Amino acid sequence: MKLYLKIYFSSEGASTMDVIKKAEKMGFGPNVGDYDFVIEIGSPEEYSEVTEKIHKLLKGTKCMYKVSTRP
């Protein structure tokens, strides 16, 4: 299963490149289309772990985000 991540940046928050580097360090790869990044996950438990990590990753950056999964 793939988890897609879309990030909404704020000019009042962290720099775009800083946030992108953090997402890549977490294992996300770039994605072309409606979502900015994608990562492969294997189970519902892993979904919970990844979404919690995303939340911690973006905390304090003033970014908003949206996730979606697909088989």
Protein backbone atom coordinates (compact mmCIF):
# COMPACT_ATOMS: atom_id res chain seq x y z
CA MET A 1 0.00 0.00 0.00
CA LYS A 2 1.20 3.51 -0.72
CA LEU A 3 0.73 6.51 1.53
CA TYR A 4 0.67 9.84 -0.29
CA LEU A 5 1.52 13.13 1.40
CA LYS A 6 0.58 16.64 0.29
CA ILE A 7 2.18 19.54 2.15
CA TYR A 8 0.75 23.05 2.26
CA PHE A 9 3.60 25.43 3.01
CA SER A 10 3.37 28.76 4.82
CA SER A 11 5.51 31.79 4.11
CA GLU A 12 5.50 32.34 7.88
CA GLY A 13 7.00 28.92 8.62
CA ALA A 14 10.00 26.73 7.86
CA SER A 15 11.66 26.95 4.46
CA THR A 16 10.36 24.71 1.72
CA MET A 17 13.70 22.95 1.27
CA ASP A 18 14.04 22.24 5.01
CA VAL A 19 10.64 20.53 5.03
CA ILE A 20 11.41 18.58 1.83
CA LYS A 21 14.73 17.35 3.26
CA LYS A 22 12.94 16.19 6.43
CA ALA A 23 10.36 14.28 4.39
CA GLU A 24 13.06 12.62 2.30
CA LYS A 25 15.02 11.70 5.44
CA MET A 26 11.87 10.00 6.72
CA GLY A 27 11.78 7.85 3.58
CA PHE A 28 9.34 9.74 1.37
CA GLY A 29 10.09 10.04 -2.31
CA PRO A 30 8.92 12.77 -4.67
CA ASN A 31 5.64 12.22 -6.48
CA VAL A 32 4.17 13.95 -9.53
CA GLY A 33 0.45 14.62 -9.40
CA ASP A 34 -2.02 15.58 -6.69
CA TYR A 35 0.38 14.65 -3.88
CA ASP A 36 3.97 15.80 -3.30
CA PHE A 37 5.46 12.66 -1.72
CA VAL A 38 4.86 8.91 -1.50
CA ILE A 39 6.07 6.11 0.79
CA GLU A 40 5.37 2.38 0.75
CA ILE A 41 3.67 0.99 3.87
CA GLY A 42 2.76 -2.59 4.63
CA SER A 43 0.08 -2.60 7.30
CA PRO A 44 -2.48 -0.55 9.23
CA GLU A 45 -0.05 -0.46 12.16
CA GLU A 46 2.61 1.04 9.93
CA TYR A 47 0.06 3.62 8.74
CA SER A 48 -0.34 4.76 12.35
CA GLU A 49 3.43 4.95 12.86
CA VAL A 50 4.04 6.91 9.65
CA THR A 51 1.22 9.40 10.23
CA GLU A 52 2.46 10.04 13.78
CA LYS A 53 5.97 10.65 12.40
CA ILE A 54 4.56 13.05 9.79
CA HIS A 55 2.77 14.98 12.52
CA LYS A 56 5.97 15.25 14.59
CA LEU A 57 8.02 16.09 11.49
CA LEU A 58 5.82 19.05 10.59
CA LYS A 59 5.14 20.30 14.12
CA GLY A 60 6.39 23.88 14.43
CA THR A 61 6.88 24.36 10.68
CA LYS A 62 3.50 26.09 10.21
CA CYS A 63 2.80 23.63 7.38
CA MET A 64 -0.48 21.82 6.94
CA TYR A 65 -0.69 18.40 5.35
CA LYS A 66 -3.03 15.83 3.85
CA VAL A 67 -2.50 12.08 3.50
CA SER A 68 -4.15 9.47 1.33
CA THR A 69 -3.58 5.76 0.80
CA ARG A 70 -3.97 3.58 -2.26
CA PRO A 71 -3.21 -0.08 -2.93
